[in-house]
């Protein structure tokens, strides 16, 4: 039972992390685009990095949700 609650809390954390991190990543990419001397390649690289992190967070959220559902049965 305790393990199920822990998995639910971790899954909720990743669920809340995704929109927050996405907002920060877009803001950072926009800031890079406004800096003189920085090309769009740097912003594009940051967005690709953010996409990979968001993908990983989504996979982890799904994994912990699956474990929580499995333990809850």
Protein backbone atom coordinates (compact mmCIF):
# COMPACT_ATOMS: atom_id res chain seq x y z
CA UNK A 1 0.00 0.00 0.00
CA UNK A 2 2.76 2.43 0.94
CA UNK A 3 4.62 1.61 -2.26
CA UNK A 4 1.51 2.44 -4.28
CA UNK A 5 1.24 5.85 -2.63
CA UNK A 6 4.93 6.54 -3.30
CA UNK A 7 4.48 5.63 -6.96
CA UNK A 8 1.42 7.89 -7.19
CA UNK A 9 3.30 10.83 -5.67
CA UNK A 10 6.27 10.37 -8.02
CA UNK A 11 3.93 10.10 -11.04
CA UNK A 12 2.14 13.28 -9.95
CA UNK A 13 5.50 15.05 -9.61
CA UNK A 14 6.44 14.19 -13.18
CA UNK A 15 2.97 15.24 -14.36
CA UNK A 16 3.45 18.67 -12.76
CA UNK A 17 7.05 18.96 -13.97
CA UNK A 18 6.20 18.69 -17.67
CA UNK A 19 4.29 21.98 -18.24
CA UNK A 20 6.61 23.93 -15.97
CA UNK A 21 9.74 22.70 -17.74
CA UNK A 22 8.17 23.28 -21.15
CA UNK A 23 7.48 26.91 -20.27
CA UNK A 24 11.03 27.43 -19.04
CA UNK A 25 12.47 25.81 -22.18
CA UNK A 26 10.46 28.04 -24.51
CA UNK A 27 11.36 31.15 -22.51
CA UNK A 28 15.04 30.18 -22.63
CA UNK A 29 14.91 29.58 -26.39
CA UNK A 30 13.25 32.97 -26.93
CA UNK A 31 15.91 34.63 -24.79
CA UNK A 32 18.62 32.99 -26.89
CA UNK A 33 17.00 34.30 -30.07
CA UNK A 34 17.00 37.88 -28.79
CA UNK A 35 20.69 37.87 -27.83
CA UNK A 36 22.97 39.39 -30.43
CA UNK A 37 25.49 37.04 -31.94
CA UNK A 38 23.57 33.87 -31.06
CA UNK A 39 22.17 31.99 -34.02
CA UNK A 40 18.97 30.07 -34.27
CA UNK A 41 21.01 26.85 -34.05
CA UNK A 42 21.57 27.42 -30.34
CA UNK A 43 17.85 27.90 -29.70
CA UNK A 44 17.04 24.86 -31.82
CA UNK A 45 19.57 22.75 -29.90
CA UNK A 46 18.04 23.87 -26.60
CA UNK A 47 14.56 22.97 -27.81
CA UNK A 48 15.73 19.51 -28.93
CA UNK A 49 17.35 19.01 -25.53
CA UNK A 50 14.13 20.09 -23.84
CA UNK A 51 12.12 17.73 -26.05
CA UNK A 52 14.26 14.79 -24.96
CA UNK A 53 13.92 15.72 -21.30
CA UNK A 54 10.15 16.11 -21.69
CA UNK A 55 9.93 12.75 -23.43
CA UNK A 56 11.89 11.12 -20.61
CA UNK A 57 9.66 12.80 -18.00
CA UNK A 58 6.57 11.52 -19.82
CA UNK A 59 7.95 7.99 -19.97
CA UNK A 60 8.82 8.09 -16.27
CA UNK A 61 5.37 9.44 -15.41
CA UNK A 62 3.75 6.63 -17.37
CA UNK A 63 6.01 4.03 -15.78
CA UNK A 64 5.28 5.17 -12.25
CA UNK A 65 1.55 5.36 -13.02
CA UNK A 66 1.70 1.79 -14.31
CA UNK A 67 3.48 0.65 -11.14
CA UNK A 68 0.94 2.49 -8.99
CA UNK A 69 -1.95 0.83 -10.83
CA UNK A 70 -0.25 -2.57 -10.57
CA UNK A 71 0.36 -2.20 -6.83
CA UNK A 72 -3.18 -0.89 -6.32
CA UNK A 73 -4.75 -4.04 -7.75
